[in-house]
Structures are given as structure tokens and as C-alpha cells.
PDB file of all heavy atoms in Angstrom:
ATOM      1  N   PHE A   1      15.859   0.675  -3.654  1.00  0.00           N
ATOM      2  CA  PHE A   1      16.992   1.170  -2.895  1.00  0.00           C
ATOM      3  C   PHE A   1      16.587   2.271  -1.932  1.00  0.00           C
ATOM      4  O   PHE A   1      16.989   2.268  -0.762  1.00  0.00           O
ATOM      5  CB  PHE A   1      18.101   1.681  -3.832  1.00  0.00           C
ATOM      6  CG  PHE A   1      18.654   0.630  -4.748  1.00  0.00           C
ATOM      7  CD1 PHE A   1      19.171   0.982  -5.995  1.00  0.00           C
ATOM      8  CD2 PHE A   1      18.695  -0.704  -4.381  1.00  0.00           C
ATOM      9  CE1 PHE A   1      19.684   0.026  -6.846  1.00  0.00           C
ATOM     10  CE2 PHE A   1      19.214  -1.666  -5.218  1.00  0.00           C
ATOM     11  CZ  PHE A   1      19.719  -1.307  -6.462  1.00  0.00           C
ATOM     12  N   SER A   2      15.801   3.208  -2.438  1.00  0.00           N
ATOM     13  CA  SER A   2      15.322   4.307  -1.594  1.00  0.00           C
ATOM     14  C   SER A   2      14.174   5.005  -2.336  1.00  0.00           C
ATOM     15  O   SER A   2      13.983   4.819  -3.518  1.00  0.00           O
ATOM     16  CB  SER A   2      16.433   5.298  -1.292  1.00  0.00           C
ATOM     17  OG  SER A   2      16.895   5.941  -2.473  1.00  0.00           O
ATOM     18  N   ILE A   3      13.411   5.779  -1.567  1.00  0.00           N
ATOM     19  CA  ILE A   3      12.298   6.524  -2.092  1.00  0.00           C
ATOM     20  C   ILE A   3      12.371   7.970  -1.629  1.00  0.00           C
ATOM     21  O   ILE A   3      12.586   8.220  -0.433  1.00  0.00           O
ATOM     22  CB  ILE A   3      10.956   5.909  -1.703  1.00  0.00           C
ATOM     23  CG1 ILE A   3      10.865   4.477  -2.196  1.00  0.00           C
ATOM     24  CG2 ILE A   3       9.786   6.738  -2.224  1.00  0.00           C
ATOM     25  CD1 ILE A   3       9.599   3.770  -1.768  1.00  0.00           C
ATOM     26  N   GLY A   4      12.187   8.861  -2.555  1.00  0.00           N
ATOM     27  CA  GLY A   4      12.176  10.277  -2.203  1.00  0.00           C
ATOM     28  C   GLY A   4      10.795  10.757  -1.863  1.00  0.00           C
ATOM     29  O   GLY A   4      10.104  10.197  -1.006  1.00  0.00           O
ATOM     30  N   VAL A   5      10.342  11.773  -2.591  1.00  0.00           N
ATOM     31  CA  VAL A   5       9.032  12.321  -2.314  1.00  0.00           C
ATOM     32  C   VAL A   5       7.949  11.323  -2.711  1.00  0.00           C
ATOM     33  O   VAL A   5       8.056  10.603  -3.709  1.00  0.00           O
ATOM     34  CB  VAL A   5       8.813  13.678  -3.028  1.00  0.00           C
ATOM     35  CG1 VAL A   5       8.836  13.484  -4.555  1.00  0.00           C
ATOM     36  CG2 VAL A   5       7.531  14.347  -2.605  1.00  0.00           C
ATOM     37  N   MET A   6       6.876  11.282  -1.919  1.00  0.00           N
ATOM     38  CA  MET A   6       5.700  10.479  -2.200  1.00  0.00           C
ATOM     39  C   MET A   6       4.491  11.406  -2.208  1.00  0.00           C
ATOM     40  O   MET A   6       4.445  12.368  -1.479  1.00  0.00           O
ATOM     41  CB  MET A   6       5.476   9.410  -1.130  1.00  0.00           C
ATOM     42  CG  MET A   6       6.543   8.340  -1.054  1.00  0.00           C
ATOM     43  SD  MET A   6       6.269   7.286   0.407  1.00  0.00           S
ATOM     44  CE  MET A   6       7.006   5.743  -0.132  1.00  0.00           C
ATOM     45  N   GLY A   7       3.516  11.097  -3.067  1.00  0.00           N
ATOM     46  CA  GLY A   7       2.365  11.940  -3.130  1.00  0.00           C
ATOM     47  C   GLY A   7       1.138  11.262  -3.625  1.00  0.00           C
ATOM     48  O   GLY A   7       1.182  10.152  -4.156  1.00  0.00           O
ATOM     49  N   TRP A   8       0.013  11.936  -3.406  1.00  0.00           N
ATOM     50  CA  TRP A   8      -1.270  11.492  -3.899  1.00  0.00           C
ATOM     51  C   TRP A   8      -1.885  12.586  -4.750  1.00  0.00           C
ATOM     52  O   TRP A   8      -1.880  13.769  -4.368  1.00  0.00           O
ATOM     53  CB  TRP A   8      -2.237  11.150  -2.759  1.00  0.00           C
ATOM     54  CG  TRP A   8      -1.888   9.930  -1.993  1.00  0.00           C
ATOM     55  CD1 TRP A   8      -1.173   9.847  -0.842  1.00  0.00           C
ATOM     56  CD2 TRP A   8      -2.246   8.588  -2.342  1.00  0.00           C
ATOM     57  NE1 TRP A   8      -1.042   8.519  -0.421  1.00  0.00           N
ATOM     58  CE2 TRP A   8      -1.699   7.734  -1.358  1.00  0.00           C
ATOM     59  CE3 TRP A   8      -2.960   8.024  -3.405  1.00  0.00           C
ATOM     60  CZ2 TRP A   8      -1.859   6.363  -1.376  1.00  0.00           C
ATOM     61  CZ3 TRP A   8      -3.110   6.644  -3.426  1.00  0.00           C
ATOM     62  CH2 TRP A   8      -2.564   5.835  -2.413  1.00  0.00           C
ATOM     63  N   TYR A   9      -2.359  12.177  -5.904  1.00  0.00           N
ATOM     64  CA  TYR A   9      -3.052  13.068  -6.823  1.00  0.00           C
ATOM     65  C   TYR A   9      -4.462  12.482  -7.058  1.00  0.00           C
ATOM     66  O   TYR A   9      -4.706  11.308  -6.830  1.00  0.00           O
ATOM     67  CB  TYR A   9      -2.319  13.159  -8.159  1.00  0.00           C
ATOM     68  CG  TYR A   9      -0.952  13.849  -8.064  1.00  0.00           C
ATOM     69  CD1 TYR A   9       0.125  13.211  -7.503  1.00  0.00           C
ATOM     70  CD2 TYR A   9      -0.782  15.112  -8.616  1.00  0.00           C
ATOM     71  CE1 TYR A   9       1.366  13.838  -7.395  1.00  0.00           C
ATOM     72  CE2 TYR A   9       0.443  15.735  -8.546  1.00  0.00           C
ATOM     73  CZ  TYR A   9       1.521  15.099  -7.951  1.00  0.00           C
ATOM     74  OH  TYR A   9       2.730  15.721  -7.874  1.00  0.00           O
ATOM     75  N   ARG A  10      -5.347  13.329  -7.564  1.00  0.00           N
ATOM     76  CA  ARG A  10      -6.662  12.816  -7.913  1.00  0.00           C
ATOM     77  C   ARG A  10      -7.159  13.484  -9.189  1.00  0.00           C
ATOM     78  O   ARG A  10      -6.752  14.585  -9.523  1.00  0.00           O
ATOM     79  CB  ARG A  10      -7.661  13.061  -6.765  1.00  0.00           C
ATOM     80  CG  ARG A  10      -7.994  14.513  -6.475  1.00  0.00           C
ATOM     81  CD  ARG A  10      -8.859  14.617  -5.239  1.00  0.00           C
ATOM     82  NE  ARG A  10      -9.231  15.993  -4.926  1.00  0.00           N
ATOM     83  CZ  ARG A  10      -9.865  16.369  -3.847  1.00  0.00           C
ATOM     84  NH1 ARG A  10     -10.246  15.466  -2.932  1.00  0.00           N
ATOM     85  NH2 ARG A  10     -10.194  17.630  -3.651  1.00  0.00           N
ATOM     86  N   GLN A  11      -8.049  12.769  -9.846  1.00  0.00           N
ATOM     87  CA  GLN A  11      -8.634  13.277 -11.075  1.00  0.00           C
ATOM     88  C   GLN A  11     -10.103  12.886 -11.138  1.00  0.00           C
ATOM     89  O   GLN A  11     -10.432  11.702 -11.126  1.00  0.00           O
ATOM     90  CB  GLN A  11      -7.877  12.721 -12.306  1.00  0.00           C
ATOM     91  CG  GLN A  11      -8.337  13.338 -13.588  1.00  0.00           C
ATOM     92  CD  GLN A  11      -7.381  13.005 -14.752  1.00  0.00           C
ATOM     93  OE1 GLN A  11      -6.613  12.039 -14.665  1.00  0.00           O
ATOM     94  NE2 GLN A  11      -7.418  13.791 -15.795  1.00  0.00           N
ATOM     95  N   ALA A  12     -10.944  13.875 -11.159  1.00  0.00           N
ATOM     96  CA  ALA A  12     -12.377  13.663 -11.300  1.00  0.00           C
ATOM     97  C   ALA A  12     -12.748  13.714 -12.772  1.00  0.00           C
ATOM     98  O   ALA A  12     -12.044  14.284 -13.595  1.00  0.00           O
ATOM     99  CB  ALA A  12     -13.163  14.725 -10.513  1.00  0.00           C
ATOM    100  N   PRO A  13     -13.898  13.107 -13.129  1.00  0.00           N
ATOM    101  CA  PRO A  13     -14.308  13.128 -14.550  1.00  0.00           C
ATOM    102  C   PRO A  13     -14.376  14.540 -15.094  1.00  0.00           C
ATOM    103  O   PRO A  13     -14.962  15.439 -14.471  1.00  0.00           O
ATOM    104  CB  PRO A  13     -15.687  12.468 -14.505  1.00  0.00           C
ATOM    105  CG  PRO A  13     -15.630  11.570 -13.306  1.00  0.00           C
ATOM    106  CD  PRO A  13     -14.811  12.327 -12.310  1.00  0.00           C
ATOM    107  N   GLY A  14     -13.761  14.748 -16.236  1.00  0.00           N
ATOM    108  CA  GLY A  14     -13.780  16.061 -16.873  1.00  0.00           C
ATOM    109  C   GLY A  14     -12.889  17.086 -16.221  1.00  0.00           C
ATOM    110  O   GLY A  14     -12.895  18.248 -16.613  1.00  0.00           O
ATOM    111  N   GLN A  15     -12.096  16.686 -15.239  1.00  0.00           N
ATOM    112  CA  GLN A  15     -11.229  17.570 -14.510  1.00  0.00           C
ATOM    113  C   GLN A  15      -9.758  17.248 -14.749  1.00  0.00           C
ATOM    114  O   GLN A  15      -9.421  16.124 -15.158  1.00  0.00           O
ATOM    115  CB  GLN A  15     -11.523  17.523 -12.994  1.00  0.00           C
ATOM    116  CG  GLN A  15     -12.954  17.843 -12.636  1.00  0.00           C
ATOM    117  CD  GLN A  15     -13.322  19.290 -12.884  1.00  0.00           C
ATOM    118  OE1 GLN A  15     -12.528  20.179 -12.625  1.00  0.00           O
ATOM    119  NE2 GLN A  15     -14.511  19.518 -13.413  1.00  0.00           N
ATOM    120  N   GLN A  16      -8.919  18.210 -14.481  1.00  0.00           N
ATOM    121  CA  GLN A  16      -7.480  17.975 -14.556  1.00  0.00           C
ATOM    122  C   GLN A  16      -7.000  17.248 -13.288  1.00  0.00           C
ATOM    123  O   GLN A  16      -7.582  17.399 -12.229  1.00  0.00           O
ATOM    124  CB  GLN A  16      -6.725  19.296 -14.732  1.00  0.00           C
ATOM    125  CG  GLN A  16      -7.040  20.026 -16.021  1.00  0.00           C
ATOM    126  CD  GLN A  16      -6.216  21.294 -16.178  1.00  0.00           C
ATOM    127  OE1 GLN A  16      -5.413  21.637 -15.305  1.00  0.00           O
ATOM    128  NE2 GLN A  16      -6.416  21.980 -17.257  1.00  0.00           N
ATOM    129  N   ARG A  17      -5.941  16.507 -13.439  1.00  0.00           N
ATOM    130  CA  ARG A  17      -5.362  15.874 -12.278  1.00  0.00           C
ATOM    131  C   ARG A  17      -4.747  16.942 -11.372  1.00  0.00           C
ATOM    132  O   ARG A  17      -4.081  17.873 -11.828  1.00  0.00           O
ATOM    133  CB  ARG A  17      -4.285  14.873 -12.714  1.00  0.00           C
ATOM    134  CG  ARG A  17      -3.740  14.016 -11.580  1.00  0.00           C
ATOM    135  CD  ARG A  17      -2.836  12.906 -12.095  1.00  0.00           C
ATOM    136  NE  ARG A  17      -3.561  12.006 -13.005  1.00  0.00           N
ATOM    137  CZ  ARG A  17      -3.030  10.883 -13.523  1.00  0.00           C
ATOM    138  NH1 ARG A  17      -1.788  10.525 -13.171  1.00  0.00           N
ATOM    139  NH2 ARG A  17      -3.744  10.161 -14.322  1.00  0.00           N
ATOM    140  N   GLU A  18      -4.951  16.806 -10.063  1.00  0.00           N
ATOM    141  CA  GLU A  18      -4.473  17.775  -9.116  1.00  0.00           C
ATOM    142  C   GLU A  18      -3.770  17.080  -7.970  1.00  0.00           C
ATOM    143  O   GLU A  18      -4.073  15.946  -7.581  1.00  0.00           O
ATOM    144  CB  GLU A  18      -5.612  18.649  -8.591  1.00  0.00           C
ATOM    145  CG  GLU A  18      -6.641  17.886  -7.766  1.00  0.00           C
ATOM    146  CD  GLU A  18      -7.767  18.774  -7.272  1.00  0.00           C
ATOM    147  OE1 GLU A  18      -7.854  19.926  -7.709  1.00  0.00           O
ATOM    148  OE2 GLU A  18      -8.574  18.306  -6.453  1.00  0.00           O
ATOM    149  N   LEU A  19      -2.816  17.797  -7.404  1.00  0.00           N
ATOM    150  CA  LEU A  19      -2.106  17.308  -6.222  1.00  0.00           C
ATOM    151  C   LEU A  19      -3.024  17.379  -5.018  1.00  0.00           C
ATOM    152  O   LEU A  19      -3.633  18.396  -4.750  1.00  0.00           O
ATOM    153  CB  LEU A  19      -0.859  18.129  -5.958  1.00  0.00           C
ATOM    154  CG  LEU A  19      -0.103  17.821  -4.676  1.00  0.00           C
ATOM    155  CD1 LEU A  19       0.543  16.446  -4.749  1.00  0.00           C
ATOM    156  CD2 LEU A  19       0.931  18.910  -4.370  1.00  0.00           C
ATOM    157  N   VAL A  20      -3.113  16.271  -4.288  1.00  0.00           N
ATOM    158  CA  VAL A  20      -3.861  16.201  -3.052  1.00  0.00           C
ATOM    159  C   VAL A  20      -2.920  16.481  -1.861  1.00  0.00           C
ATOM    160  O   VAL A  20      -3.183  17.294  -1.014  1.00  0.00           O
ATOM    161  CB  VAL A  20      -4.556  14.857  -2.867  1.00  0.00           C
ATOM    162  CG1 VAL A  20      -5.274  14.787  -1.509  1.00  0.00           C
ATOM    163  CG2 VAL A  20      -5.534  14.627  -4.016  1.00  0.00           C
ATOM    164  N   ALA A  21      -1.820  15.730  -1.834  1.00  0.00           N
ATOM    165  CA  ALA A  21      -0.845  15.876  -0.749  1.00  0.00           C
ATOM    166  C   ALA A  21       0.447  15.207  -1.157  1.00  0.00           C
ATOM    167  O   ALA A  21       0.452  14.287  -1.979  1.00  0.00           O
ATOM    168  CB  ALA A  21      -1.375  15.225   0.539  1.00  0.00           C
ATOM    169  N   ASN A  22       1.525  15.657  -0.599  1.00  0.00           N
ATOM    170  CA  ASN A  22       2.796  14.951  -0.754  1.00  0.00           C
ATOM    171  C   ASN A  22       3.569  14.997   0.557  1.00  0.00           C
ATOM    172  O   ASN A  22       3.297  15.811   1.439  1.00  0.00           O
ATOM    173  CB  ASN A  22       3.611  15.449  -1.951  1.00  0.00           C
ATOM    174  CG  ASN A  22       4.058  16.901  -1.852  1.00  0.00           C
ATOM    175  OD1 ASN A  22       4.323  17.411  -0.769  1.00  0.00           O
ATOM    176  ND2 ASN A  22       4.155  17.545  -3.002  1.00  0.00           N
ATOM    177  N   ILE A  23       4.538  14.108   0.621  1.00  0.00           N
ATOM    178  CA  ILE A  23       5.349  13.983   1.829  1.00  0.00           C
ATOM    179  C   ILE A  23       6.760  13.623   1.420  1.00  0.00           C
ATOM    180  O   ILE A  23       6.978  12.735   0.571  1.00  0.00           O
ATOM    181  CB  ILE A  23       4.757  12.923   2.789  1.00  0.00           C
ATOM    182  CG1 ILE A  23       5.595  12.829   4.058  1.00  0.00           C
ATOM    183  CG2 ILE A  23       4.605  11.567   2.112  1.00  0.00           C
ATOM    184  CD1 ILE A  23       4.883  12.047   5.158  1.00  0.00           C
ATOM    185  N   ARG A  24       7.732  14.293   2.003  1.00  0.00           N
ATOM    186  CA  ARG A  24       9.121  14.029   1.696  1.00  0.00           C
ATOM    187  C   ARG A  24       9.696  13.012   2.664  1.00  0.00           C
ATOM    188  O   ARG A  24       9.055  12.634   3.667  1.00  0.00           O
ATOM    189  CB  ARG A  24       9.916  15.328   1.701  1.00  0.00           C
ATOM    190  CG  ARG A  24       9.343  16.366   0.707  1.00  0.00           C
ATOM    191  CD  ARG A  24      10.342  17.474   0.420  1.00  0.00           C
ATOM    192  NE  ARG A  24      11.465  17.010  -0.406  1.00  0.00           N
ATOM    193  CZ  ARG A  24      11.453  16.898  -1.718  1.00  0.00           C
ATOM    194  NH1 ARG A  24      10.384  17.228  -2.409  1.00  0.00           N
ATOM    195  NH2 ARG A  24      12.522  16.467  -2.359  1.00  0.00           N
ATOM    196  N   PHE A  25      10.896  12.562   2.399  1.00  0.00           N
ATOM    197  CA  PHE A  25      11.506  11.501   3.203  1.00  0.00           C
ATOM    198  C   PHE A  25      11.528  11.821   4.687  1.00  0.00           C
ATOM    199  O   PHE A  25      11.242  10.960   5.510  1.00  0.00           O
ATOM    200  CB  PHE A  25      12.936  11.219   2.690  1.00  0.00           C
ATOM    201  CG  PHE A  25      13.571  10.065   3.400  1.00  0.00           C
ATOM    202  CD1 PHE A  25      13.376   8.764   2.963  1.00  0.00           C
ATOM    203  CD2 PHE A  25      14.405  10.276   4.504  1.00  0.00           C
ATOM    204  CE1 PHE A  25      14.000   7.705   3.605  1.00  0.00           C
ATOM    205  CE2 PHE A  25      15.018   9.222   5.150  1.00  0.00           C
ATOM    206  CZ  PHE A  25      14.810   7.914   4.699  1.00  0.00           C
ATOM    207  N   GLY A  26      11.832  13.067   5.008  1.00  0.00           N
ATOM    208  CA  GLY A  26      11.929  13.458   6.399  1.00  0.00           C
ATOM    209  C   GLY A  26      10.596  13.718   7.069  1.00  0.00           C
ATOM    210  O   GLY A  26      10.563  13.944   8.289  1.00  0.00           O
ATOM    211  N   GLY A  27       9.497  13.682   6.300  1.00  0.00           N
ATOM    212  CA  GLY A  27       8.183  13.826   6.876  1.00  0.00           C
ATOM    213  C   GLY A  27       7.472  15.142   6.637  1.00  0.00           C
ATOM    214  O   GLY A  27       6.332  15.284   7.058  1.00  0.00           O
ATOM    215  N   SER A  28       8.118  16.087   5.995  1.00  0.00           N
ATOM    216  CA  SER A  28       7.431  17.343   5.703  1.00  0.00           C
ATOM    217  C   SER A  28       6.335  17.099   4.691  1.00  0.00           C
ATOM    218  O   SER A  28       6.464  16.277   3.781  1.00  0.00           O
ATOM    219  CB  SER A  28       8.401  18.386   5.218  1.00  0.00           C
ATOM    220  OG  SER A  28       9.027  17.976   3.995  1.00  0.00           O
ATOM    221  N   THR A  29       5.227  17.821   4.847  1.00  0.00           N
ATOM    222  CA  THR A  29       4.036  17.552   4.025  1.00  0.00           C
ATOM    223  C   THR A  29       3.486  18.853   3.440  1.00  0.00           C
ATOM    224  O   THR A  29       3.767  19.959   3.935  1.00  0.00           O
ATOM    225  CB  THR A  29       2.930  16.899   4.855  1.00  0.00           C
ATOM    226  OG1 THR A  29       2.587  17.762   5.936  1.00  0.00           O
ATOM    227  CG2 THR A  29       3.383  15.560   5.401  1.00  0.00           C
ATOM    228  N   GLU A  30       2.682  18.703   2.416  1.00  0.00           N
ATOM    229  CA  GLU A  30       1.890  19.783   1.896  1.00  0.00           C
ATOM    230  C   GLU A  30       0.548  19.241   1.395  1.00  0.00           C
ATOM    231  O   GLU A  30       0.492  18.086   0.976  1.00  0.00           O
ATOM    232  CB  GLU A  30       2.620  20.553   0.785  1.00  0.00           C
ATOM    233  CG  GLU A  30       2.926  19.757  -0.450  1.00  0.00           C
ATOM    234  CD  GLU A  30       3.585  20.601  -1.510  1.00  0.00           C
ATOM    235  OE1 GLU A  30       3.088  21.720  -1.784  1.00  0.00           O
ATOM    236  OE2 GLU A  30       4.619  20.162  -2.088  1.00  0.00           O
ATOM    237  N   TYR A  31      -0.483  20.056   1.480  1.00  0.00           N
ATOM    238  CA  TYR A  31      -1.821  19.636   1.156  1.00  0.00           C
ATOM    239  C   TYR A  31      -2.523  20.661   0.274  1.00  0.00           C
ATOM    240  O   TYR A  31      -2.289  21.880   0.378  1.00  0.00           O
ATOM    241  CB  TYR A  31      -2.674  19.459   2.415  1.00  0.00           C
ATOM    242  CG  TYR A  31      -2.209  18.369   3.348  1.00  0.00           C
ATOM    243  CD1 TYR A  31      -1.290  18.619   4.362  1.00  0.00           C
ATOM    244  CD2 TYR A  31      -2.687  17.073   3.206  1.00  0.00           C
ATOM    245  CE1 TYR A  31      -0.882  17.662   5.216  1.00  0.00           C
ATOM    246  CE2 TYR A  31      -2.276  16.078   4.078  1.00  0.00           C
ATOM    247  CZ  TYR A  31      -1.369  16.358   5.060  1.00  0.00           C
ATOM    248  OH  TYR A  31      -0.958  15.361   5.931  1.00  0.00           O
ATOM    249  N   HIS A  32      -3.400  20.179  -0.571  1.00  0.00           N
ATOM    250  CA  HIS A  32      -4.318  21.065  -1.280  1.00  0.00           C
ATOM    251  C   HIS A  32      -5.240  21.682  -0.255  1.00  0.00           C
ATOM    252  O   HIS A  32      -5.658  21.032   0.721  1.00  0.00           O
ATOM    253  CB  HIS A  32      -5.118  20.258  -2.309  1.00  0.00           C
ATOM    254  CG  HIS A  32      -5.857  21.098  -3.279  1.00  0.00           C
ATOM    255  ND1 HIS A  32      -7.081  21.665  -2.956  1.00  0.00           N
ATOM    256  CD2 HIS A  32      -5.571  21.465  -4.537  1.00  0.00           C
ATOM    257  CE1 HIS A  32      -7.517  22.353  -4.002  1.00  0.00           C
ATOM    258  NE2 HIS A  32      -6.631  22.234  -4.968  1.00  0.00           N
ATOM    259  N   ASP A  33      -5.569  22.955  -0.450  1.00  0.00           N
ATOM    260  CA  ASP A  33      -6.393  23.656   0.503  1.00  0.00           C
ATOM    261  C   ASP A  33      -7.716  22.967   0.772  1.00  0.00           C
ATOM    262  O   ASP A  33      -8.242  23.020   1.890  1.00  0.00           O
ATOM    263  CB  ASP A  33      -6.652  25.097   0.022  1.00  0.00           C
ATOM    264  CG  ASP A  33      -5.470  25.993   0.192  1.00  0.00           C
ATOM    265  OD1 ASP A  33      -4.556  25.650   0.925  1.00  0.00           O
ATOM    266  OD2 ASP A  33      -5.473  27.066  -0.447  1.00  0.00           O
ATOM    267  N   SER A  34      -8.267  22.313  -0.215  1.00  0.00           N
ATOM    268  CA  SER A  34      -9.573  21.689  -0.086  1.00  0.00           C
ATOM    269  C   SER A  34      -9.598  20.492   0.846  1.00  0.00           C
ATOM    270  O   SER A  34     -10.676  20.084   1.297  1.00  0.00           O
ATOM    271  CB  SER A  34     -10.129  21.283  -1.450  1.00  0.00           C
ATOM    272  OG  SER A  34      -9.350  20.230  -2.020  1.00  0.00           O
ATOM    273  N   VAL A  35      -8.441  19.940   1.170  1.00  0.00           N
ATOM    274  CA  VAL A  35      -8.396  18.747   2.015  1.00  0.00           C
ATOM    275  C   VAL A  35      -7.703  18.988   3.364  1.00  0.00           C
ATOM    276  O   VAL A  35      -7.660  18.077   4.195  1.00  0.00           O
ATOM    277  CB  VAL A  35      -7.704  17.564   1.306  1.00  0.00           C
ATOM    278  CG1 VAL A  35      -8.357  17.301  -0.047  1.00  0.00           C
ATOM    279  CG2 VAL A  35      -6.211  17.802   1.134  1.00  0.00           C
ATOM    280  N   LYS A  36      -7.203  20.184   3.578  1.00  0.00           N
ATOM    281  CA  LYS A  36      -6.519  20.482   4.836  1.00  0.00           C
ATOM    282  C   LYS A  36      -7.488  20.289   6.006  1.00  0.00           C
ATOM    283  O   LYS A  36      -8.625  20.714   5.976  1.00  0.00           O
ATOM    284  CB  LYS A  36      -6.013  21.913   4.842  1.00  0.00           C
ATOM    285  CG  LYS A  36      -4.814  22.108   3.942  1.00  0.00           C
ATOM    286  CD  LYS A  36      -4.298  23.550   3.997  1.00  0.00           C
ATOM    287  CE  LYS A  36      -3.070  23.746   3.140  1.00  0.00           C
ATOM    288  NZ  LYS A  36      -2.614  25.159   3.146  1.00  0.00           N
TER     289      LYS A  36
END
């Protein structure tokens, strides 16, 4: 029907899962500092 926020996370071996980036319906985004 519809989709709200979308995002990408990543997890390296032995590491915790972390947010890479997300984007809201209207297009606003946020990024992890390491990938900006």
C-alpha cells in the first residue's frame, strides 16, 4: 500500500550491525559519517 522510511544497514564479521543510510518518503536522508 505504501512505504515509509527505507534504509541500509551493514554488519561486518564480529561487528554490530550499523546504520549506513536511510531515506524518508519525501527524500530526506541521513548517512553514517564513514560513508558521507
